[in-house]
């Protein structure tokens, strides 16, 4: 078996992964504020995706039914 060089070996992490370790305040501590333009971007992306889905649901079945 091939040995890994010393500098690439990782030490096992100390501590444990528990629900108490993942508090929302800790996770969001360094987060940037949400800008209104980002909200508009997300909303318009979802609207465009919904419109594309509706168009696809109309075009695909009709194109399959009209093939000879």
Protein backbone atom coordinates (compact mmCIF):
# COMPACT_ATOMS: atom_id res chain seq x y z
CA UNK A 1 0.00 0.00 0.00
CA UNK A 2 1.27 3.45 -0.91
CA UNK A 3 2.04 5.81 1.99
CA UNK A 4 0.89 9.41 1.84
CA UNK A 5 3.47 12.14 2.41
CA UNK A 6 3.45 13.62 5.91
CA UNK A 7 2.21 17.06 4.82
CA UNK A 8 -0.91 15.64 3.12
CA UNK A 9 -2.02 13.55 6.10
CA UNK A 10 -4.82 15.12 8.06
CA UNK A 11 -5.37 14.88 11.76
CA UNK A 12 -8.75 13.60 12.83
CA UNK A 13 -11.03 16.43 13.84
CA UNK A 14 -11.57 16.88 17.52
CA UNK A 15 -15.11 17.38 18.77
CA UNK A 16 -18.34 15.93 17.58
CA UNK A 17 -21.12 16.86 15.22
CA UNK A 18 -24.20 17.42 17.30
CA UNK A 19 -27.39 19.40 16.88
CA UNK A 20 -26.26 21.81 19.58
CA UNK A 21 -23.10 22.58 17.62
CA UNK A 22 -25.11 23.83 14.63
CA UNK A 23 -26.97 26.80 16.05
CA UNK A 24 -28.50 29.24 13.55
CA UNK A 25 -26.78 32.19 15.17
CA UNK A 26 -23.38 30.54 14.75
CA UNK A 27 -24.00 29.68 11.12
CA UNK A 28 -25.30 33.15 10.22
CA UNK A 29 -22.73 35.08 12.28
CA UNK A 30 -20.58 36.16 9.30
CA UNK A 31 -23.33 36.37 6.68
CA UNK A 32 -23.71 39.45 4.51
CA UNK A 33 -27.07 41.26 4.51
CA UNK A 34 -29.54 40.24 1.79
CA UNK A 35 -29.89 43.00 -0.81
CA UNK A 36 -33.26 43.83 -2.43
CA UNK A 37 -31.77 43.27 -5.89
CA UNK A 38 -30.93 39.69 -4.86
CA UNK A 39 -34.55 39.13 -3.88
CA UNK A 40 -35.70 40.39 -7.28
CA UNK A 41 -33.17 38.15 -9.01
CA UNK A 42 -34.42 35.06 -7.18
CA UNK A 43 -38.09 35.89 -7.77
CA UNK A 44 -37.63 36.60 -11.47
CA UNK A 45 -35.55 33.43 -11.89
CA UNK A 46 -38.39 31.39 -10.40
CA UNK A 47 -40.96 33.16 -12.60
CA UNK A 48 -38.91 32.49 -15.74
CA UNK A 49 -38.45 28.85 -14.72
CA UNK A 50 -42.20 28.44 -14.18
CA UNK A 51 -42.99 30.00 -17.56
CA UNK A 52 -40.43 27.76 -19.28
CA UNK A 53 -41.95 24.72 -17.55
CA UNK A 54 -45.46 25.63 -18.68
CA UNK A 55 -44.30 26.23 -22.26
CA UNK A 56 -42.45 22.93 -22.21
CA UNK A 57 -45.50 21.09 -20.91
CA UNK A 58 -47.55 22.53 -23.77
CA UNK A 59 -45.03 22.14 -26.61
CA UNK A 60 -43.64 18.67 -25.89
CA UNK A 61 -46.92 16.72 -25.77
CA UNK A 62 -48.28 18.49 -28.85
CA UNK A 63 -45.09 17.83 -30.79
CA UNK A 64 -45.22 14.13 -29.87
CA UNK A 65 -48.89 13.84 -30.88
CA UNK A 66 -48.33 15.51 -34.27
CA UNK A 67 -45.49 13.28 -35.46
CA UNK A 68 -46.28 10.87 -38.29
